[in-house]
Amino acid sequence: MHPADRIQKFFIRPFFLTLTIGIPFCIFKGLFGLAAIKAGTPSNPIIAGFGWIVVLWAATDLTMNAIRAASDLLHIPTRLEYCTLAELGRFLHRPMLFLAVDTLISFSIICLMLWSGWIMQLTQTEAYLWYSATTLNLISISLVSLYNEAKRAA
């Protein structure tokens, strides 16, 4: 196998996709949920309740991503999708569409955290989690784009 093909194959492995997209998105969702809890308790219990739902959603997606990554590393086939929305989409025969919706929601969460000012509510540990998720996500996108352009130029 050509070395470039091995790199491309690595970029599409569930382990890589989980590490660089799935887990960062779960972190964004989870921190958004925690920020909603902080913003809503006790002044607005509806926002706090919404936050708990988002935290549960993030934890479920994180578990699904961990199972996908572990299955990939152990070479065990799995039909489990990366997230709850994609799993719902699988039942409707459109998992990629629902995965794209999850991606839109995750990016919207990032924007909401920034524009609402809720990002300022993060503790130092939470902020480092946010920075780590952002770094993994953005650097991986850049590496894959750089690789694809280098491959196209060759």
C-alpha atoms as a PDB file:
ATOM      1  CA  MET A   1       0.000   0.000   0.000  1.00  0.00           C
ATOM      2  CA  HIS A   2       1.287   3.429  -0.938  1.00  0.00           C
ATOM      3  CA  PRO A   3       2.186   5.575   2.146  1.00  0.00           C
ATOM      4  CA  ALA A   4      -0.197   8.322   1.021  1.00  0.00           C
ATOM      5  CA  ASP A   5      -3.033   5.798   0.881  1.00  0.00           C
ATOM      6  CA  ARG A   6      -2.259   4.747   4.476  1.00  0.00           C
ATOM      7  CA  ILE A   7      -2.498   8.375   5.590  1.00  0.00           C
ATOM      8  CA  GLN A   8      -5.821   8.826   3.809  1.00  0.00           C
ATOM      9  CA  LYS A   9      -7.087   5.574   5.329  1.00  0.00           C
ATOM     10  CA  PHE A  10      -6.077   6.820   8.802  1.00  0.00           C
ATOM     11  CA  PHE A  11      -7.971  10.090   8.300  1.00  0.00           C
ATOM     12  CA  ILE A  12     -11.237   8.220   7.679  1.00  0.00           C
ATOM     13  CA  ARG A  13     -10.862   5.685  10.504  1.00  0.00           C
ATOM     14  CA  PRO A  14     -13.475   5.923  13.249  1.00  0.00           C
ATOM     15  CA  PHE A  15     -10.697   6.344  15.839  1.00  0.00           C
ATOM     16  CA  PHE A  16      -9.356   9.484  14.116  1.00  0.00           C
ATOM     17  CA  LEU A  17     -12.833  10.887  13.450  1.00  0.00           C
ATOM     18  CA  THR A  18     -13.871  10.262  17.060  1.00  0.00           C
ATOM     19  CA  LEU A  19     -10.718  11.812  18.492  1.00  0.00           C
ATOM     20  CA  THR A  20     -10.795  14.925  16.324  1.00  0.00           C
ATOM     21  CA  ILE A  21     -14.501  15.528  15.709  1.00  0.00           C
ATOM     22  CA  GLY A  22     -16.739  13.376  17.895  1.00  0.00           C
ATOM     23  CA  ILE A  23     -15.099  13.939  21.265  1.00  0.00           C
ATOM     24  CA  PRO A  24     -14.571  17.680  20.711  1.00  0.00           C
ATOM     25  CA  PHE A  25     -18.244  18.054  19.739  1.00  0.00           C
ATOM     26  CA  CYS A  26     -19.250  16.161  22.901  1.00  0.00           C
ATOM     27  CA  ILE A  27     -17.076  18.511  24.948  1.00  0.00           C
ATOM     28  CA  PHE A  28     -18.689  21.558  23.323  1.00  0.00           C
ATOM     29  CA  LYS A  29     -22.179  20.156  23.997  1.00  0.00           C
ATOM     30  CA  GLY A  30     -21.338  19.180  27.564  1.00  0.00           C
ATOM     31  CA  LEU A  31     -19.812  22.542  28.432  1.00  0.00           C
ATOM     32  CA  PHE A  32     -22.775  24.315  26.841  1.00  0.00           C
ATOM     33  CA  GLY A  33     -25.082  22.237  28.998  1.00  0.00           C
ATOM     34  CA  LEU A  34     -23.063  23.083  32.123  1.00  0.00           C
ATOM     35  CA  ALA A  35     -23.144  26.777  31.213  1.00  0.00           C
ATOM     36  CA  ALA A  36     -26.941  26.581  30.809  1.00  0.00           C
ATOM     37  CA  ILE A  37     -27.210  24.927  34.219  1.00  0.00           C
ATOM     38  CA  LYS A  38     -25.107  27.709  35.774  1.00  0.00           C
ATOM     39  CA  ALA A  39     -27.113  30.410  33.982  1.00  0.00           C
ATOM     40  CA  GLY A  40     -30.457  28.927  34.947  1.00  0.00           C
ATOM     41  CA  THR A  41     -29.986  27.805  38.526  1.00  0.00           C
ATOM     42  CA  PRO A  42     -31.973  28.938  40.536  1.00  0.00           C
ATOM     43  CA  SER A  43     -33.228  32.016  38.694  1.00  0.00           C
ATOM     44  CA  ASN A  44     -34.499  30.121  35.658  1.00  0.00           C
ATOM     45  CA  PRO A  45     -35.053  26.399  36.267  1.00  0.00           C
ATOM     46  CA  ILE A  46     -36.208  25.889  32.662  1.00  0.00           C
ATOM     47  CA  ILE A  47     -32.766  26.868  31.350  1.00  0.00           C
ATOM     48  CA  ALA A  48     -31.157  24.681  34.023  1.00  0.00           C
ATOM     49  CA  GLY A  49     -33.380  21.752  33.017  1.00  0.00           C
ATOM     50  CA  PHE A  50     -32.474  22.309  29.369  1.00  0.00           C
ATOM     51  CA  GLY A  51     -28.810  22.284  30.443  1.00  0.00           C
ATOM     52  CA  TRP A  52     -29.202  18.904  32.139  1.00  0.00           C
ATOM     53  CA  ILE A  53     -30.786  17.484  28.981  1.00  0.00           C
ATOM     54  CA  VAL A  54     -27.842  18.768  26.903  1.00  0.00           C
ATOM     55  CA  VAL A  55     -25.339  17.292  29.414  1.00  0.00           C
ATOM     56  CA  LEU A  56     -27.104  13.919  29.170  1.00  0.00           C
ATOM     57  CA  TRP A  57     -27.095  14.177  25.363  1.00  0.00           C
ATOM     58  CA  ALA A  58     -23.347  14.988  25.375  1.00  0.00           C
ATOM     59  CA  ALA A  59     -22.612  12.067  27.719  1.00  0.00           C
ATOM     60  CA  THR A  60     -24.589   9.677  25.506  1.00  0.00           C
ATOM     61  CA  ASP A  61     -22.763  10.891  22.383  1.00  0.00           C
ATOM     62  CA  LEU A  62     -19.410  10.607  24.192  1.00  0.00           C
ATOM     63  CA  THR A  63     -20.211   7.004  25.112  1.00  0.00           C
ATOM     64  CA  MET A  64     -21.180   6.227  21.513  1.00  0.00           C
ATOM     65  CA  ASN A  65     -17.949   7.802  20.230  1.00  0.00           C
ATOM     66  CA  ALA A  66     -15.871   5.839  22.757  1.00  0.00           C
ATOM     67  CA  ILE A  67     -17.509   2.597  21.630  1.00  0.00           C
ATOM     68  CA  ARG A  68     -16.842   3.465  17.957  1.00  0.00           C
ATOM     69  CA  ALA A  69     -13.190   4.319  18.660  1.00  0.00           C
ATOM     70  CA  ALA A  70     -12.581   1.222  20.797  1.00  0.00           C
ATOM     71  CA  SER A  71     -14.268  -1.010  18.216  1.00  0.00           C
ATOM     72  CA  ASP A  72     -12.048   0.476  15.511  1.00  0.00           C
ATOM     73  CA  LEU A  73      -8.865  -0.029  17.541  1.00  0.00           C
ATOM     74  CA  LEU A  74      -9.862  -3.608  18.380  1.00  0.00           C
ATOM     75  CA  HIS A  75     -10.979  -4.271  14.759  1.00  0.00           C
ATOM     76  CA  ILE A  76     -14.484  -5.180  15.911  1.00  0.00           C
ATOM     77  CA  PRO A  77     -17.226  -4.175  13.495  1.00  0.00           C
ATOM     78  CA  THR A  78     -20.018  -2.057  14.934  1.00  0.00           C
ATOM     79  CA  ARG A  79     -23.187  -0.644  13.442  1.00  0.00           C
ATOM     80  CA  LEU A  80     -23.379   2.021  16.130  1.00  0.00           C
ATOM     81  CA  GLU A  81     -23.269   5.571  14.777  1.00  0.00           C
ATOM     82  CA  TYR A  82     -21.120   8.382  16.229  1.00  0.00           C
ATOM     83  CA  CYS A  83     -23.979  10.219  17.923  1.00  0.00           C
ATOM     84  CA  THR A  84     -27.613   9.952  18.917  1.00  0.00           C
ATOM     85  CA  LEU A  85     -28.857  12.031  15.997  1.00  0.00           C
ATOM     86  CA  ALA A  86     -26.987   9.889  13.450  1.00  0.00           C
ATOM     87  CA  GLU A  87     -28.329   6.781  15.201  1.00  0.00           C
ATOM     88  CA  LEU A  88     -31.840   8.180  14.789  1.00  0.00           C
ATOM     89  CA  GLY A  89     -30.971   8.899  11.157  1.00  0.00           C
ATOM     90  CA  ARG A  90     -29.875   5.289  10.679  1.00  0.00           C
ATOM     91  CA  PHE A  91     -33.388   4.141  11.581  1.00  0.00           C
ATOM     92  CA  LEU A  92     -34.706   6.582   8.963  1.00  0.00           C
ATOM     93  CA  HIS A  93     -32.055   5.437   6.438  1.00  0.00           C
ATOM     94  CA  ARG A  94     -30.340   8.858   6.466  1.00  0.00           C
ATOM     95  CA  PRO A  95     -27.513   8.692   9.063  1.00  0.00           C
ATOM     96  CA  MET A  96     -25.223  11.098   7.186  1.00  0.00           C
ATOM     97  CA  LEU A  97     -27.964  13.718   6.945  1.00  0.00           C
ATOM     98  CA  PHE A  98     -28.569  13.518  10.694  1.00  0.00           C
ATOM     99  CA  LEU A  99     -24.811  13.538  11.350  1.00  0.00           C
ATOM    100  CA  ALA A 100     -24.644  16.753   9.312  1.00  0.00           C
ATOM    101  CA  VAL A 101     -27.478  18.203  11.436  1.00  0.00           C
ATOM    102  CA  ASP A 102     -25.527  17.250  14.576  1.00  0.00           C
ATOM    103  CA  THR A 103     -22.487  19.040  13.132  1.00  0.00           C
ATOM    104  CA  LEU A 104     -24.589  22.159  12.475  1.00  0.00           C
ATOM    105  CA  ILE A 105     -25.933  22.039  16.016  1.00  0.00           C
ATOM    106  CA  SER A 106     -22.419  21.602  17.439  1.00  0.00           C
ATOM    107  CA  PHE A 107     -21.083  24.583  15.505  1.00  0.00           C
ATOM    108  CA  SER A 108     -24.152  26.580  16.552  1.00  0.00           C
ATOM    109  CA  ILE A 109     -23.391  25.706  20.179  1.00  0.00           C
ATOM    110  CA  ILE A 110     -19.872  27.068  19.736  1.00  0.00           C
ATOM    111  CA  CYS A 111     -21.316  30.311  18.379  1.00  0.00           C
ATOM    112  CA  LEU A 112     -23.930  30.519  21.136  1.00  0.00           C
ATOM    113  CA  MET A 113     -21.272  30.026  23.815  1.00  0.00           C
ATOM    114  CA  LEU A 114     -19.162  32.802  22.311  1.00  0.00           C
ATOM    115  CA  TRP A 115     -21.897  35.320  21.496  1.00  0.00           C
ATOM    116  CA  SER A 116     -23.940  34.797  24.659  1.00  0.00           C
ATOM    117  CA  GLY A 117     -20.922  35.366  26.866  1.00  0.00           C
ATOM    118  CA  TRP A 118     -21.529  32.030  28.577  1.00  0.00           C
ATOM    119  CA  ILE A 119     -17.968  31.044  27.694  1.00  0.00           C
ATOM    120  CA  MET A 120     -16.880  33.443  30.441  1.00  0.00           C
ATOM    121  CA  GLN A 121     -18.662  31.218  32.971  1.00  0.00           C
ATOM    122  CA  LEU A 122     -16.300  28.314  32.344  1.00  0.00           C
ATOM    123  CA  THR A 123     -13.970  27.355  35.162  1.00  0.00           C
ATOM    124  CA  GLN A 124     -10.276  27.112  34.364  1.00  0.00           C
ATOM    125  CA  THR A 125     -10.543  23.330  33.925  1.00  0.00           C
ATOM    126  CA  GLU A 126     -13.601  23.703  31.704  1.00  0.00           C
ATOM    127  CA  ALA A 127     -11.808  26.361  29.660  1.00  0.00           C
ATOM    128  CA  TYR A 128      -8.858  24.017  29.120  1.00  0.00           C
ATOM    129  CA  LEU A 129     -11.286  21.340  27.947  1.00  0.00           C
ATOM    130  CA  TRP A 130     -12.792  23.883  25.534  1.00  0.00           C
ATOM    131  CA  TYR A 131      -9.311  24.874  24.272  1.00  0.00           C
ATOM    132  CA  SER A 132      -8.321  21.215  23.832  1.00  0.00           C
ATOM    133  CA  ALA A 133     -11.498  20.401  21.909  1.00  0.00           C
ATOM    134  CA  THR A 134     -11.054  23.459  19.695  1.00  0.00           C
ATOM    135  CA  THR A 135      -7.401  22.638  19.030  1.00  0.00           C
ATOM    136  CA  LEU A 136      -8.080  18.989  18.157  1.00  0.00           C
ATOM    137  CA  ASN A 137     -10.946  19.914  15.882  1.00  0.00           C
ATOM    138  CA  LEU A 138      -9.336  22.812  14.014  1.00  0.00           C
ATOM    139  CA  ILE A 139      -5.842  21.343  13.658  1.00  0.00           C
ATOM    140  CA  SER A 140      -7.242  18.058  12.343  1.00  0.00           C
ATOM    141  CA  ILE A 141      -9.361  19.871   9.762  1.00  0.00           C
ATOM    142  CA  SER A 142      -6.265  21.795   8.685  1.00  0.00           C
ATOM    143  CA  LEU A 143      -4.099  18.661   8.498  1.00  0.00           C
ATOM    144  CA  VAL A 144      -6.642  16.792   6.403  1.00  0.00           C
ATOM    145  CA  SER A 145      -7.063  19.795   4.079  1.00  0.00           C
ATOM    146  CA  LEU A 146      -3.296  20.214   3.769  1.00  0.00           C
ATOM    147  CA  TYR A 147      -2.824  16.531   3.027  1.00  0.00           C
ATOM    148  CA  ASN A 148      -5.591  16.538   0.397  1.00  0.00           C
ATOM    149  CA  GLU A 149      -4.103  19.619  -1.326  1.00  0.00           C
ATOM    150  CA  ALA A 150      -0.580  18.135  -1.266  1.00  0.00           C
ATOM    151  CA  LYS A 151      -1.914  14.888  -2.709  1.00  0.00           C
ATOM    152  CA  ARG A 152      -3.807  16.788  -5.419  1.00  0.00           C
ATOM    153  CA  ALA A 153      -0.664  18.803  -6.334  1.00  0.00           C
ATOM    154  CA  ALA A 154       1.500  15.673  -6.620  1.00  0.00           C
END
